[in-house]
């Protein structure tokens, strides 16, 4: 009986991992063949909103220590802004482009292999696998900052994990436009998992393409 239960449990776990990897690969392939499957390049202003927060912390040159990992780099939308702001960035992706290394962001093992020297990860993961990516990254990195819908925080299935790993929330006061047209129907935030006490801050985003800076209130 116990052997049968263990065997069934192992098979079920294996099937889940297989489905997860299949979904991730489908997302990556869809992104490259133009179908737009769950791929939305991050608007530059979203990442620009994050730069003052990183600089204000004073943890080292530019506000962070060491290189930043970007495990879902895609075509490099986040990387370009971070590098323009003076940060060193190492890129990874399931289907890497340019200087990026191959990396499955849902796998802690692959994240360690690709970004062994990094303590901070900043990325915009595919929405359908956002939670899987976040869990893996939080296991590997000292700090993880993810652009995500506020709804990522709300779910019965995620409640226990989120209660134990509650992030700081930096709310974007306007909605991004990921396809260059109308704004997204959901509200977004930079979600920051770190060793610090969680807080909420409202980022007062300026008009289209312009950033006013970090002037929101911190709510603890």
N, C-alpha and C. Protein backbone atom coordinates (compact mmCIF):
# COMPACT_ATOMS: atom_id res chain seq x y z
N UNK A 1 0.81 -1.19 0.00
CA UNK A 1 0.00 0.00 0.00
C UNK A 1 0.85 1.25 0.00
N UNK A 2 1.84 1.36 0.93
CA UNK A 2 2.66 2.55 1.01
C UNK A 2 3.50 2.72 -0.24
N UNK A 3 4.04 1.58 -0.78
CA UNK A 3 4.83 1.67 -1.99
C UNK A 3 3.98 2.16 -3.15
N UNK A 4 2.72 1.69 -3.21
CA UNK A 4 1.84 2.11 -4.29
C UNK A 4 1.55 3.61 -4.20
N UNK A 5 1.29 4.08 -2.97
CA UNK A 5 1.01 5.50 -2.78
C UNK A 5 2.21 6.35 -3.17
N UNK A 6 3.40 5.91 -2.76
CA UNK A 6 4.61 6.65 -3.08
C UNK A 6 4.83 6.67 -4.58
N UNK A 7 4.61 5.54 -5.23
CA UNK A 7 4.79 5.45 -6.67
C UNK A 7 3.80 6.36 -7.40
N UNK A 8 2.55 6.35 -6.95
CA UNK A 8 1.54 7.21 -7.56
C UNK A 8 1.88 8.68 -7.36
N UNK A 9 2.33 9.01 -6.15
CA UNK A 9 2.70 10.39 -5.85
C UNK A 9 3.86 10.84 -6.72
N UNK A 10 4.84 9.97 -6.90
CA UNK A 10 5.99 10.31 -7.72
C UNK A 10 5.58 10.52 -9.17
N UNK A 11 4.68 9.63 -9.67
CA UNK A 11 4.23 9.77 -11.06
C UNK A 11 3.45 11.07 -11.24
N UNK A 12 2.61 11.41 -10.27
CA UNK A 12 1.83 12.64 -10.36
C UNK A 12 2.73 13.86 -10.36
N UNK A 13 3.78 13.84 -9.49
CA UNK A 13 4.73 14.94 -9.45
C UNK A 13 5.48 15.07 -10.75
N UNK A 14 5.88 13.93 -11.32
CA UNK A 14 6.59 13.94 -12.60
C UNK A 14 5.72 14.51 -13.71
N UNK A 15 4.43 14.12 -13.73
CA UNK A 15 3.51 14.62 -14.75
C UNK A 15 3.33 16.12 -14.64
N UNK A 16 3.25 16.63 -13.42
CA UNK A 16 3.11 18.06 -13.22
C UNK A 16 4.31 18.82 -13.75
N UNK A 17 5.52 18.29 -13.46
CA UNK A 17 6.73 18.94 -13.96
C UNK A 17 6.77 18.91 -15.47
N UNK A 18 6.33 17.82 -16.06
CA UNK A 18 6.33 17.69 -17.51
C UNK A 18 5.37 18.69 -18.14
N UNK A 19 4.17 18.82 -17.55
CA UNK A 19 3.20 19.78 -18.08
C UNK A 19 3.72 21.21 -17.94
N UNK A 20 4.38 21.49 -16.81
CA UNK A 20 4.91 22.83 -16.58
C UNK A 20 5.96 23.18 -17.64
N UNK A 21 6.89 22.26 -17.87
CA UNK A 21 7.94 22.51 -18.86
C UNK A 21 7.36 22.61 -20.27
N UNK A 22 6.36 21.80 -20.57
CA UNK A 22 5.71 21.85 -21.88
C UNK A 22 5.04 23.20 -22.09
N UNK A 23 4.38 23.70 -21.04
CA UNK A 23 3.71 24.99 -21.12
C UNK A 23 4.73 26.10 -21.32
N UNK A 24 5.84 26.02 -20.59
CA UNK A 24 6.88 27.04 -20.70
C UNK A 24 7.49 27.04 -22.10
N UNK A 25 7.73 25.85 -22.63
CA UNK A 25 8.29 25.77 -23.98
C UNK A 25 7.29 26.31 -25.01
N UNK A 26 6.02 25.99 -24.85
CA UNK A 26 5.00 26.50 -25.77
C UNK A 26 4.95 28.01 -25.73
N UNK A 27 5.09 28.57 -24.51
CA UNK A 27 5.10 30.03 -24.39
C UNK A 27 6.28 30.63 -25.16
N UNK A 28 7.46 30.03 -24.98
CA UNK A 28 8.65 30.57 -25.63
C UNK A 28 8.55 30.44 -27.15
N UNK A 29 8.09 29.30 -27.64
CA UNK A 29 7.97 29.11 -29.07
C UNK A 29 6.95 30.06 -29.66
N UNK A 30 5.83 30.24 -28.98
CA UNK A 30 4.82 31.17 -29.46
C UNK A 30 5.33 32.58 -29.52
N UNK A 31 6.21 32.94 -28.56
CA UNK A 31 6.77 34.27 -28.54
C UNK A 31 7.62 34.52 -29.77
N UNK A 32 8.41 33.53 -30.17
CA UNK A 32 9.32 33.72 -31.29
C UNK A 32 8.64 33.58 -32.64
N UNK A 33 7.57 32.76 -32.74
CA UNK A 33 6.96 32.59 -34.06
C UNK A 33 5.90 33.64 -34.36
N UNK A 34 5.74 34.62 -33.43
CA UNK A 34 4.86 35.73 -33.71
C UNK A 34 3.43 35.53 -33.28
N UNK A 35 3.09 34.43 -32.65
CA UNK A 35 1.72 34.20 -32.24
C UNK A 35 1.35 35.01 -31.01
N UNK A 36 2.35 35.54 -30.30
CA UNK A 36 2.10 36.38 -29.14
C UNK A 36 1.58 35.62 -27.94
N UNK A 37 1.86 34.34 -27.85
CA UNK A 37 1.34 33.52 -26.75
C UNK A 37 1.98 33.93 -25.43
N UNK A 38 1.22 34.69 -24.62
CA UNK A 38 1.65 35.06 -23.27
C UNK A 38 2.99 35.78 -23.25
N UNK A 39 3.31 36.52 -24.29
CA UNK A 39 4.55 37.29 -24.31
C UNK A 39 4.22 38.76 -24.49
N UNK A 40 4.59 39.54 -23.51
CA UNK A 40 4.32 40.97 -23.54
C UNK A 40 5.58 41.70 -23.09
N UNK A 41 6.29 42.33 -24.04
CA UNK A 41 7.52 43.05 -23.71
C UNK A 41 7.21 44.20 -22.77
N UNK A 42 8.07 44.38 -21.76
CA UNK A 42 7.85 45.39 -20.74
C UNK A 42 8.10 46.79 -21.27
N UNK A 43 7.11 47.70 -21.19
CA UNK A 43 7.34 49.09 -21.60
C UNK A 43 8.49 49.70 -20.81
N UNK A 44 9.30 50.51 -21.46
CA UNK A 44 10.49 51.07 -20.82
C UNK A 44 10.15 51.85 -19.56
N UNK A 45 9.03 52.59 -19.57
CA UNK A 45 8.73 53.44 -18.42
C UNK A 45 8.46 52.63 -17.15
N UNK A 46 7.99 51.40 -17.30
CA UNK A 46 7.75 50.55 -16.12
C UNK A 46 9.06 50.28 -15.38
N UNK A 47 10.09 49.95 -16.14
CA UNK A 47 11.40 49.69 -15.52
C UNK A 47 12.03 50.98 -15.04
N UNK A 48 11.82 52.07 -15.76
CA UNK A 48 12.35 53.36 -15.32
C UNK A 48 11.78 53.76 -13.96
N UNK A 49 10.55 53.36 -13.69
CA UNK A 49 9.95 53.65 -12.38
C UNK A 49 10.69 52.94 -11.25
N UNK A 50 11.32 51.84 -11.58
CA UNK A 50 12.01 51.03 -10.58
C UNK A 50 13.39 51.58 -10.24
N UNK A 51 14.02 52.28 -11.16
CA UNK A 51 15.40 52.72 -10.98
C UNK A 51 15.61 53.58 -9.73
N UNK A 52 14.76 54.60 -9.48
CA UNK A 52 14.98 55.41 -8.26
C UNK A 52 14.89 54.58 -6.99
N UNK A 53 14.02 53.58 -6.96
CA UNK A 53 13.92 52.72 -5.79
C UNK A 53 15.23 51.97 -5.54
N UNK A 54 15.83 51.47 -6.61
CA UNK A 54 17.09 50.74 -6.48
C UNK A 54 18.21 51.67 -6.02
N UNK A 55 18.24 52.89 -6.55
CA UNK A 55 19.32 53.82 -6.21
C UNK A 55 19.18 54.36 -4.79
N UNK A 56 17.96 54.54 -4.32
CA UNK A 56 17.74 55.11 -3.00
C UNK A 56 18.18 54.19 -1.87
N UNK A 57 18.32 52.91 -2.17
CA UNK A 57 18.61 51.96 -1.10
C UNK A 57 20.07 52.01 -0.64
N UNK A 58 20.97 52.45 -1.52
CA UNK A 58 22.35 52.62 -1.13
C UNK A 58 23.05 51.35 -0.70
N UNK A 59 22.75 50.22 -1.33
CA UNK A 59 23.38 48.94 -0.97
C UNK A 59 24.73 48.76 -1.65
N UNK A 60 25.15 49.74 -2.40
CA UNK A 60 26.39 49.61 -3.16
C UNK A 60 26.28 50.49 -4.38
N UNK A 61 27.18 50.39 -5.35
CA UNK A 61 27.10 51.20 -6.55
C UNK A 61 25.75 51.04 -7.24
N UNK A 62 25.04 52.14 -7.40
CA UNK A 62 23.74 52.08 -8.06
C UNK A 62 22.63 51.56 -7.18
N UNK A 63 22.91 51.26 -5.92
CA UNK A 63 21.86 50.80 -5.02
C UNK A 63 21.73 49.30 -4.86
N UNK A 64 22.46 48.51 -5.63
CA UNK A 64 22.43 47.06 -5.49
C UNK A 64 23.85 46.51 -5.55
N UNK A 65 24.04 45.32 -5.02
CA UNK A 65 25.35 44.70 -5.01
C UNK A 65 25.44 43.63 -6.09
N UNK A 66 26.49 43.72 -6.90
CA UNK A 66 26.73 42.69 -7.90
C UNK A 66 25.80 42.79 -9.10
N UNK A 67 25.94 41.86 -10.04
CA UNK A 67 25.12 41.88 -11.24
C UNK A 67 23.68 41.48 -10.95
N UNK A 68 22.77 41.95 -11.80
CA UNK A 68 21.36 41.63 -11.69
C UNK A 68 21.04 40.50 -12.67
N UNK A 69 20.30 39.51 -12.23
CA UNK A 69 19.86 38.43 -13.10
C UNK A 69 18.53 38.79 -13.74
N UNK A 70 18.41 38.52 -15.05
CA UNK A 70 17.13 38.69 -15.76
C UNK A 70 16.81 37.33 -16.39
N UNK A 71 16.07 36.46 -15.68
CA UNK A 71 15.88 35.07 -16.14
C UNK A 71 14.87 34.89 -17.26
N UNK A 72 14.02 35.91 -17.53
CA UNK A 72 13.02 35.84 -18.61
C UNK A 72 13.24 37.01 -19.54
N UNK A 73 14.46 37.11 -20.07
CA UNK A 73 14.90 38.33 -20.74
C UNK A 73 14.19 38.62 -22.05
N UNK A 74 13.75 37.57 -22.76
CA UNK A 74 13.10 37.80 -24.05
C UNK A 74 14.01 38.58 -24.98
N UNK A 75 13.50 39.68 -25.54
CA UNK A 75 14.29 40.51 -26.45
C UNK A 75 15.06 41.59 -25.71
N UNK A 76 15.03 41.58 -24.38
CA UNK A 76 15.88 42.48 -23.61
C UNK A 76 15.27 43.80 -23.21
N UNK A 77 13.94 43.89 -23.12
CA UNK A 77 13.29 45.17 -22.80
C UNK A 77 13.69 45.70 -21.43
N UNK A 78 13.67 44.85 -20.41
CA UNK A 78 14.06 45.28 -19.07
C UNK A 78 15.57 45.52 -19.01
N UNK A 79 16.33 44.64 -19.63
CA UNK A 79 17.79 44.75 -19.60
C UNK A 79 18.27 46.08 -20.14
N UNK A 80 17.70 46.53 -21.26
CA UNK A 80 18.15 47.78 -21.87
C UNK A 80 18.01 48.96 -20.91
N UNK A 81 16.91 49.03 -20.20
CA UNK A 81 16.69 50.15 -19.27
C UNK A 81 17.64 50.06 -18.08
N UNK A 82 17.81 48.85 -17.53
CA UNK A 82 18.71 48.68 -16.39
C UNK A 82 20.15 49.03 -16.77
N UNK A 83 20.59 48.57 -17.92
CA UNK A 83 21.96 48.87 -18.35
C UNK A 83 22.14 50.35 -18.64
N UNK A 84 21.14 50.97 -19.22
CA UNK A 84 21.21 52.41 -19.46
C UNK A 84 21.28 53.18 -18.15
N UNK A 85 20.73 52.60 -17.09
CA UNK A 85 20.79 53.22 -15.77
C UNK A 85 22.07 52.91 -15.01
N UNK A 86 22.99 52.18 -15.63
CA UNK A 86 24.28 51.92 -15.02
C UNK A 86 24.41 50.60 -14.30
N UNK A 87 23.44 49.71 -14.46
CA UNK A 87 23.47 48.43 -13.77
C UNK A 87 24.03 47.33 -14.67
N UNK A 88 24.73 46.40 -14.06
CA UNK A 88 25.22 45.22 -14.77
C UNK A 88 24.14 44.15 -14.76
N UNK A 89 23.82 43.59 -15.93
CA UNK A 89 22.73 42.62 -16.04
C UNK A 89 23.22 41.37 -16.77
N UNK A 90 22.87 40.21 -16.21
CA UNK A 90 23.10 38.93 -16.88
C UNK A 90 21.75 38.38 -17.32
N UNK A 91 21.64 38.00 -18.60
CA UNK A 91 20.37 37.58 -19.16
C UNK A 91 20.27 36.07 -19.31
N UNK A 92 19.06 35.57 -19.16
CA UNK A 92 18.75 34.17 -19.44
C UNK A 92 17.35 34.06 -20.02
N UNK A 93 17.09 32.95 -20.69
CA UNK A 93 15.77 32.73 -21.26
C UNK A 93 15.70 31.28 -21.73
N UNK A 94 14.49 30.75 -21.84
CA UNK A 94 14.35 29.38 -22.31
C UNK A 94 14.84 29.25 -23.75
N UNK A 95 14.56 30.26 -24.56
CA UNK A 95 15.09 30.34 -25.92
C UNK A 95 15.91 31.63 -26.00
N UNK A 96 17.19 31.57 -25.59
CA UNK A 96 17.99 32.79 -25.44
C UNK A 96 18.27 33.50 -26.75
N UNK A 97 18.37 34.81 -26.65
CA UNK A 97 18.75 35.65 -27.77
C UNK A 97 19.99 36.45 -27.37
N UNK A 98 20.82 36.78 -28.36
CA UNK A 98 22.00 37.59 -28.08
C UNK A 98 22.93 36.92 -27.09
N UNK A 99 23.29 37.67 -26.03
CA UNK A 99 24.25 37.17 -25.04
C UNK A 99 23.58 36.37 -23.91
N UNK A 100 22.28 36.18 -23.97
CA UNK A 100 21.57 35.46 -22.91
C UNK A 100 21.97 33.99 -22.90
N UNK A 101 21.91 33.38 -21.71
CA UNK A 101 22.16 31.95 -21.56
C UNK A 101 20.83 31.22 -21.49
N UNK A 102 20.84 29.94 -21.83
CA UNK A 102 19.61 29.17 -21.77
C UNK A 102 19.26 28.89 -20.31
N UNK A 103 17.99 29.14 -19.95
CA UNK A 103 17.58 28.96 -18.58
C UNK A 103 16.07 28.80 -18.49
N UNK A 104 15.63 27.78 -17.77
CA UNK A 104 14.22 27.58 -17.46
C UNK A 104 13.97 28.26 -16.11
N UNK A 105 13.24 29.38 -16.11
CA UNK A 105 13.05 30.18 -14.91
C UNK A 105 12.15 29.50 -13.88
N UNK A 106 11.54 28.38 -14.22
CA UNK A 106 10.74 27.64 -13.24
C UNK A 106 11.57 26.58 -12.51
N UNK A 107 12.86 26.47 -12.85
CA UNK A 107 13.73 25.45 -12.28
C UNK A 107 14.81 26.07 -11.41
N UNK A 108 14.79 25.87 -10.09
CA UNK A 108 15.86 26.39 -9.23
C UNK A 108 17.24 25.89 -9.66
N UNK A 109 17.31 24.66 -10.10
CA UNK A 109 18.60 24.10 -10.52
C UNK A 109 19.18 24.88 -11.69
N UNK A 110 18.36 25.17 -12.69
CA UNK A 110 18.85 25.91 -13.85
C UNK A 110 19.14 27.37 -13.51
N UNK A 111 18.37 27.94 -12.61
CA UNK A 111 18.63 29.32 -12.19
C UNK A 111 19.99 29.42 -11.49
N UNK A 112 20.30 28.45 -10.64
CA UNK A 112 21.61 28.44 -9.97
C UNK A 112 22.74 28.28 -10.97
N UNK A 113 22.53 27.39 -11.94
CA UNK A 113 23.56 27.17 -12.95
C UNK A 113 23.82 28.43 -13.77
N UNK A 114 22.75 29.13 -14.15
CA UNK A 114 22.88 30.28 -15.04
C UNK A 114 23.32 31.55 -14.31
N UNK A 115 22.91 31.70 -13.03
CA UNK A 115 23.14 32.97 -12.33
C UNK A 115 23.75 32.76 -10.95
N UNK A 116 24.73 31.88 -10.87
CA UNK A 116 25.31 31.53 -9.59
C UNK A 116 25.87 32.69 -8.80
N UNK A 117 26.32 33.75 -9.48
CA UNK A 117 26.93 34.88 -8.78
C UNK A 117 25.99 36.03 -8.49
N UNK A 118 24.72 35.87 -8.78
CA UNK A 118 23.76 36.97 -8.63
C UNK A 118 22.96 36.82 -7.34
N UNK A 119 22.68 37.94 -6.70
CA UNK A 119 21.87 37.95 -5.48
C UNK A 119 20.50 38.58 -5.72
N UNK A 120 20.36 39.32 -6.82
CA UNK A 120 19.12 40.02 -7.14
C UNK A 120 18.64 39.62 -8.53
N UNK A 121 17.36 39.32 -8.66
CA UNK A 121 16.75 39.03 -9.96
C UNK A 121 15.62 40.03 -10.21
N UNK A 122 15.56 40.56 -11.41
CA UNK A 122 14.49 41.46 -11.82
C UNK A 122 13.97 40.96 -13.16
N UNK A 123 12.66 40.74 -13.26
CA UNK A 123 12.12 40.19 -14.50
C UNK A 123 10.62 40.41 -14.62
N UNK A 124 10.10 40.13 -15.78
CA UNK A 124 8.67 40.10 -16.07
C UNK A 124 8.37 38.72 -16.63
N UNK A 125 8.01 37.77 -15.78
CA UNK A 125 7.83 36.38 -16.24
C UNK A 125 6.54 36.23 -17.05
N UNK A 126 6.44 35.14 -17.83
CA UNK A 126 5.17 34.88 -18.54
C UNK A 126 4.04 34.74 -17.53
N UNK A 127 2.91 35.40 -17.80
CA UNK A 127 1.84 35.46 -16.81
C UNK A 127 1.35 34.08 -16.40
N UNK A 128 1.22 33.18 -17.36
CA UNK A 128 0.66 31.86 -17.05
C UNK A 128 1.57 31.04 -16.15
N UNK A 129 2.85 31.42 -16.06
CA UNK A 129 3.81 30.70 -15.21
C UNK A 129 4.45 31.62 -14.19
N UNK A 130 3.82 32.75 -13.92
CA UNK A 130 4.43 33.74 -13.03
C UNK A 130 4.70 33.17 -11.64
N UNK A 131 3.73 32.46 -11.08
CA UNK A 131 3.90 31.94 -9.72
C UNK A 131 4.99 30.89 -9.68
N UNK A 132 5.03 30.01 -10.68
CA UNK A 132 6.07 28.98 -10.72
C UNK A 132 7.46 29.62 -10.80
N UNK A 133 7.57 30.68 -11.61
CA UNK A 133 8.85 31.38 -11.73
C UNK A 133 9.23 32.05 -10.42
N UNK A 134 8.27 32.72 -9.79
CA UNK A 134 8.54 33.42 -8.53
C UNK A 134 9.01 32.45 -7.46
N UNK A 135 8.32 31.32 -7.32
CA UNK A 135 8.71 30.34 -6.29
C UNK A 135 10.14 29.86 -6.51
N UNK A 136 10.48 29.58 -7.75
CA UNK A 136 11.84 29.10 -8.05
C UNK A 136 12.88 30.18 -7.77
N UNK A 137 12.59 31.41 -8.17
CA UNK A 137 13.55 32.49 -7.98
C UNK A 137 13.74 32.83 -6.50
N UNK A 138 12.67 32.84 -5.73
CA UNK A 138 12.77 33.14 -4.30
C UNK A 138 13.63 32.08 -3.59
N UNK A 139 13.61 30.88 -4.10
CA UNK A 139 14.44 29.80 -3.53
C UNK A 139 15.92 30.02 -3.82
N UNK A 140 16.22 30.72 -4.91
CA UNK A 140 17.60 30.84 -5.37
C UNK A 140 18.24 32.18 -4.99
N UNK A 141 17.50 33.28 -5.18
CA UNK A 141 18.09 34.60 -5.02
C UNK A 141 17.75 35.22 -3.67
N UNK A 142 18.63 36.09 -3.21
CA UNK A 142 18.39 36.82 -1.96
C UNK A 142 17.21 37.78 -2.11
N UNK A 143 17.06 38.33 -3.31
CA UNK A 143 15.98 39.30 -3.56
C UNK A 143 15.45 39.09 -4.97
N UNK A 144 14.13 39.16 -5.10
CA UNK A 144 13.47 38.96 -6.39
C UNK A 144 12.45 40.08 -6.60
N UNK A 145 12.56 40.78 -7.73
CA UNK A 145 11.62 41.84 -8.07
C UNK A 145 10.96 41.48 -9.40
N UNK A 146 9.64 41.37 -9.38
CA UNK A 146 8.90 40.88 -10.54
C UNK A 146 7.80 41.88 -10.90
N UNK A 147 7.66 42.16 -12.19
CA UNK A 147 6.51 42.93 -12.66
C UNK A 147 5.35 41.98 -12.84
N UNK A 148 4.25 42.23 -12.15
CA UNK A 148 3.13 41.31 -12.24
C UNK A 148 1.81 42.00 -11.96
N UNK A 149 0.74 41.33 -12.35
CA UNK A 149 -0.59 41.81 -12.02
C UNK A 149 -0.80 41.71 -10.51
N UNK A 150 -1.57 42.66 -9.98
CA UNK A 150 -1.86 42.61 -8.55
C UNK A 150 -2.61 41.32 -8.19
N UNK A 151 -3.33 40.77 -9.15
CA UNK A 151 -4.06 39.54 -8.91
C UNK A 151 -3.16 38.35 -8.60
N UNK A 152 -1.87 38.47 -8.89
CA UNK A 152 -0.94 37.38 -8.57
C UNK A 152 -0.90 37.13 -7.06
N UNK A 153 -1.21 38.16 -6.28
CA UNK A 153 -1.17 38.04 -4.83
C UNK A 153 -2.40 37.35 -4.27
N UNK A 154 -3.47 37.29 -5.08
CA UNK A 154 -4.77 36.83 -4.57
C UNK A 154 -5.16 35.49 -5.18
N UNK A 155 -5.16 34.46 -4.37
CA UNK A 155 -5.60 33.14 -4.81
C UNK A 155 -5.60 32.20 -3.62
N UNK A 156 -6.62 31.37 -3.51
CA UNK A 156 -6.64 30.38 -2.44
C UNK A 156 -5.47 29.41 -2.57
N UNK A 157 -5.13 29.06 -3.81
CA UNK A 157 -4.03 28.11 -4.02
C UNK A 157 -2.68 28.70 -3.65
N UNK A 158 -2.54 30.01 -3.77
CA UNK A 158 -1.26 30.67 -3.47
C UNK A 158 -1.23 31.30 -2.08
N UNK A 159 -2.36 31.28 -1.38
CA UNK A 159 -2.48 32.02 -0.13
C UNK A 159 -1.44 31.62 0.91
N UNK A 160 -1.26 30.33 1.13
CA UNK A 160 -0.32 29.88 2.16
C UNK A 160 1.10 30.33 1.84
N UNK A 161 1.51 30.16 0.59
CA UNK A 161 2.87 30.55 0.20
C UNK A 161 3.04 32.06 0.30
N UNK A 162 2.05 32.81 -0.18
CA UNK A 162 2.14 34.27 -0.14
C UNK A 162 2.14 34.79 1.29
N UNK A 163 1.44 34.12 2.19
CA UNK A 163 1.43 34.53 3.59
C UNK A 163 2.80 34.37 4.21
N UNK A 164 3.50 33.33 3.80
CA UNK A 164 4.84 33.07 4.32
C UNK A 164 5.90 33.89 3.61
N UNK A 165 5.65 34.20 2.33
CA UNK A 165 6.61 34.97 1.52
C UNK A 165 5.89 36.21 0.97
N UNK A 166 5.57 37.14 1.84
CA UNK A 166 4.81 38.33 1.43
C UNK A 166 5.76 39.38 0.86
N UNK A 167 5.53 39.85 -0.36
CA UNK A 167 6.44 40.82 -0.97
C UNK A 167 6.05 42.26 -0.63
N UNK A 168 6.99 43.16 -0.79
CA UNK A 168 6.64 44.57 -0.86
C UNK A 168 5.98 44.82 -2.21
N UNK A 169 5.08 45.79 -2.25
CA UNK A 169 4.29 46.04 -3.46
C UNK A 169 4.47 47.50 -3.88
N UNK A 170 5.02 47.72 -5.08
CA UNK A 170 5.19 49.06 -5.62
C UNK A 170 4.20 49.21 -6.78
N UNK A 171 3.06 49.81 -6.48
CA UNK A 171 1.95 49.86 -7.43
C UNK A 171 2.18 50.90 -8.50
N UNK A 172 2.03 50.50 -9.76
CA UNK A 172 2.07 51.45 -10.88
C UNK A 172 0.72 52.15 -10.95
N UNK A 173 0.71 53.47 -10.84
CA UNK A 173 -0.55 54.20 -10.77
C UNK A 173 -1.24 54.32 -12.12
N UNK A 174 -0.60 53.91 -13.18
CA UNK A 174 -1.29 53.78 -14.47
C UNK A 174 -0.96 52.42 -15.08
N UNK A 175 -1.84 51.96 -15.92
CA UNK A 175 -1.70 50.62 -16.48
C UNK A 175 -0.79 50.63 -17.70
N UNK A 176 0.07 49.62 -17.82
CA UNK A 176 0.96 49.55 -18.98
C UNK A 176 0.20 49.20 -20.26
N UNK A 177 0.82 49.53 -21.37
CA UNK A 177 0.35 49.09 -22.68
C UNK A 177 1.45 48.21 -23.26
N UNK A 178 1.21 46.91 -23.29
CA UNK A 178 2.25 45.97 -23.71
C UNK A 178 2.34 45.78 -25.21
N UNK A 179 1.31 46.19 -25.93
CA UNK A 179 1.30 46.00 -27.39
C UNK A 179 1.32 47.32 -28.14
N UNK A 180 1.55 48.42 -27.44
CA UNK A 180 1.64 49.71 -28.11
C UNK A 180 0.29 50.34 -28.42
N UNK A 181 -0.79 49.76 -27.92
CA UNK A 181 -2.12 50.30 -28.15
C UNK A 181 -2.75 50.76 -26.86
N UNK A 182 -3.96 50.24 -26.59
CA UNK A 182 -4.67 50.62 -25.38
C UNK A 182 -4.00 50.00 -24.15
N UNK A 183 -4.30 50.57 -22.99
CA UNK A 183 -3.73 50.07 -21.76
C UNK A 183 -4.29 48.70 -21.41
N UNK A 184 -3.50 47.94 -20.64
CA UNK A 184 -3.95 46.64 -20.18
C UNK A 184 -5.17 46.80 -19.26
N UNK A 185 -6.00 45.76 -19.19
CA UNK A 185 -7.21 45.84 -18.37
C UNK A 185 -6.93 45.59 -16.90
N UNK A 186 -5.71 45.16 -16.56
CA UNK A 186 -5.36 44.85 -15.18
C UNK A 186 -4.40 45.88 -14.61
N UNK A 187 -4.40 45.99 -13.28
CA UNK A 187 -3.45 46.85 -12.59
C UNK A 187 -2.18 46.06 -12.29
N UNK A 188 -1.04 46.76 -12.36
CA UNK A 188 0.26 46.10 -12.21
C UNK A 188 1.08 46.74 -11.10
N UNK A 189 2.07 45.98 -10.64
CA UNK A 189 2.99 46.46 -9.62
C UNK A 189 4.32 45.73 -9.75
N UNK A 190 5.35 46.35 -9.23
CA UNK A 190 6.60 45.64 -9.02
C UNK A 190 6.49 44.96 -7.66
N UNK A 191 6.62 43.65 -7.64
CA UNK A 191 6.51 42.86 -6.42
C UNK A 191 7.92 42.47 -5.98
N UNK A 192 8.25 42.82 -4.75
CA UNK A 192 9.63 42.75 -4.28
C UNK A 192 9.75 41.80 -3.09
N UNK A 193 10.32 40.62 -3.36
CA UNK A 193 10.57 39.64 -2.29
C UNK A 193 11.99 39.84 -1.78
N UNK A 194 12.11 40.20 -0.50
CA UNK A 194 13.43 40.41 0.10
C UNK A 194 13.35 40.09 1.58
N UNK A 195 14.43 40.33 2.29
CA UNK A 195 14.47 40.06 3.72
C UNK A 195 13.89 41.22 4.53
N UNK A 196 13.51 42.29 3.88
CA UNK A 196 12.96 43.44 4.57
C UNK A 196 11.48 43.24 4.86
N UNK A 197 10.97 44.01 5.84
CA UNK A 197 9.55 43.95 6.17
C UNK A 197 8.73 44.44 4.97
N UNK A 198 7.67 43.73 4.60
CA UNK A 198 6.86 44.12 3.43
C UNK A 198 6.25 45.51 3.62
N UNK A 199 6.12 46.23 2.52
CA UNK A 199 5.52 47.55 2.53
C UNK A 199 4.78 47.77 1.22
N UNK A 200 3.93 48.78 1.19
CA UNK A 200 3.22 49.15 -0.03
C UNK A 200 3.58 50.59 -0.38
N UNK A 201 3.91 50.81 -1.64
CA UNK A 201 4.23 52.16 -2.11
C UNK A 201 3.52 52.40 -3.44
N UNK A 202 2.96 53.58 -3.59
CA UNK A 202 2.30 53.96 -4.84
C UNK A 202 3.28 54.78 -5.67
N UNK A 203 3.58 54.33 -6.87
CA UNK A 203 4.47 55.05 -7.77
C UNK A 203 3.63 56.01 -8.61
N UNK A 204 3.89 57.29 -8.47
CA UNK A 204 3.11 58.31 -9.17
C UNK A 204 3.63 58.47 -10.59
N UNK A 205 3.17 57.62 -11.47
CA UNK A 205 3.63 57.63 -12.86
C UNK A 205 3.11 58.88 -13.57
N UNK A 206 3.98 59.49 -14.37
CA UNK A 206 3.59 60.68 -15.12
C UNK A 206 2.89 60.27 -16.41
N UNK A 207 2.78 61.20 -17.35
CA UNK A 207 2.09 60.92 -18.61
C UNK A 207 2.81 59.89 -19.44
N UNK A 208 2.24 59.54 -20.59
CA UNK A 208 2.77 58.48 -21.45
C UNK A 208 4.24 58.72 -21.77
N UNK A 209 5.04 57.71 -21.42
CA UNK A 209 6.46 57.75 -21.78
C UNK A 209 7.31 58.60 -20.85
N UNK A 210 6.72 59.24 -19.81
CA UNK A 210 7.49 60.07 -18.91
C UNK A 210 7.30 59.57 -17.49
N UNK A 211 8.34 59.79 -16.69
CA UNK A 211 8.31 59.30 -15.31
C UNK A 211 8.54 60.46 -14.36
N UNK A 212 7.69 60.58 -13.36
CA UNK A 212 7.83 61.64 -12.37
C UNK A 212 8.80 61.25 -11.28
N UNK A 213 8.99 59.98 -11.06
CA UNK A 213 9.91 59.53 -10.03
C UNK A 213 9.16 58.93 -8.85
N UNK A 214 9.89 58.57 -7.83
CA UNK A 214 9.31 57.92 -6.67
C UNK A 214 8.86 58.99 -5.68
N UNK A 215 7.55 59.25 -5.66
CA UNK A 215 7.03 60.26 -4.74
C UNK A 215 5.85 59.70 -3.95
N UNK A 216 5.61 58.42 -4.12
CA UNK A 216 4.48 57.82 -3.41
C UNK A 216 4.77 57.62 -1.94
N UNK A 217 3.72 57.43 -1.17
CA UNK A 217 3.88 57.18 0.26
C UNK A 217 4.11 55.70 0.52
N UNK A 218 4.96 55.43 1.48
CA UNK A 218 5.17 54.04 1.91
C UNK A 218 4.15 53.72 2.98
N UNK A 219 3.44 52.62 2.82
CA UNK A 219 2.43 52.19 3.78
C UNK A 219 2.86 50.87 4.36
N UNK A 220 3.06 50.83 5.65
CA UNK A 220 3.52 49.60 6.31
C UNK A 220 2.37 48.98 7.09
